[in-house]
């Protein structure tokens, strides 16, 4: 969903209680980094808790939290 920009998948991946909040940060994040690529490095599940560690890269081509785009690539 994040890598492909398929924001319509939010409703499939999040509970109804969390979908609106997820959409509020994912949509502007994708606008800021339209070529974002996230890679899961480690995923640990124990009981009903899940923790993940991931790598993220992208080019800042749109505003983020009131800051103008830099045009720089982040890794």
Protein backbone atom coordinates (compact mmCIF):
# COMPACT_ATOMS: atom_id res chain seq x y z
CA UNK A 1 0.00 0.00 0.00
CA UNK A 2 2.70 2.50 0.95
CA UNK A 3 5.15 1.66 -1.86
CA UNK A 4 2.47 1.50 -4.55
CA UNK A 5 0.50 4.49 -3.31
CA UNK A 6 -2.69 2.44 -3.01
CA UNK A 7 -4.40 4.51 -0.34
CA UNK A 8 -7.66 2.69 -1.12
CA UNK A 9 -6.12 -0.34 0.63
CA UNK A 10 -6.11 1.47 3.99
CA UNK A 11 -9.62 0.24 4.73
CA UNK A 12 -8.48 -3.34 4.09
CA UNK A 13 -5.38 -3.09 6.26
CA UNK A 14 -6.54 -1.00 9.23
CA UNK A 15 -9.39 -1.34 11.66
CA UNK A 16 -12.21 1.17 11.11
CA UNK A 17 -11.08 3.00 14.26
CA UNK A 18 -7.53 3.45 12.91
CA UNK A 19 -8.21 3.98 9.17
CA UNK A 20 -8.98 7.72 9.39
CA UNK A 21 -5.86 8.42 11.44
CA UNK A 22 -3.71 6.36 9.08
CA UNK A 23 -5.10 8.21 6.08
CA UNK A 24 -4.33 11.60 7.74
CA UNK A 25 -0.59 10.90 7.90
CA UNK A 26 -0.09 8.52 4.95
CA UNK A 27 -1.64 10.79 2.29
CA UNK A 28 0.57 13.84 3.08
CA UNK A 29 3.61 11.57 3.54
CA UNK A 30 3.09 10.12 0.04
CA UNK A 31 2.60 13.64 -1.34
CA UNK A 32 5.91 14.71 0.21
CA UNK A 33 7.78 11.57 -0.90
CA UNK A 34 5.90 10.30 -3.99
CA UNK A 35 8.57 7.68 -4.78
CA UNK A 36 8.74 6.39 -1.19
CA UNK A 37 9.90 2.81 -0.75
CA UNK A 38 9.57 1.02 2.57
CA UNK A 39 11.22 -2.33 3.21
CA UNK A 40 10.48 -4.42 6.28
CA UNK A 41 13.78 -5.47 7.85
CA UNK A 42 12.41 -7.29 10.87
CA UNK A 43 8.91 -8.26 12.01
CA UNK A 44 8.27 -9.73 15.46
CA UNK A 45 4.86 -10.87 16.68
CA UNK A 46 4.16 -12.06 20.20
CA UNK A 47 0.60 -12.56 21.39
CA UNK A 48 -1.45 -9.64 20.12
CA UNK A 49 1.54 -7.28 19.72
CA UNK A 50 3.59 -6.75 16.57
CA UNK A 51 6.79 -4.74 16.23
CA UNK A 52 8.52 -3.93 12.97
CA UNK A 53 11.77 -2.36 11.91
CA UNK A 54 11.89 -0.95 8.42
CA UNK A 55 14.04 1.00 5.97
CA UNK A 56 12.52 3.97 4.18
CA UNK A 57 13.79 5.96 1.19
CA UNK A 58 12.31 8.57 -1.12
CA UNK A 59 12.77 11.97 -2.75
CA UNK A 60 11.28 15.00 -0.99
CA UNK A 61 9.27 16.56 -3.82
CA UNK A 62 6.37 17.99 -1.83
CA UNK A 63 5.88 19.93 1.41
CA UNK A 64 6.10 18.06 4.73
CA UNK A 65 4.74 19.50 7.97
CA UNK A 66 4.86 23.05 6.70
CA UNK A 67 8.39 22.78 5.30
CA UNK A 68 9.00 23.26 1.56
CA UNK A 69 10.34 20.37 -0.52
CA UNK A 70 14.12 20.01 -0.69
CA UNK A 71 14.34 17.84 -3.81
CA UNK A 72 16.80 15.67 -1.90
CA UNK A 73 16.71 11.90 -1.59
CA UNK A 74 16.48 10.37 1.85
CA UNK A 75 17.57 6.88 2.88
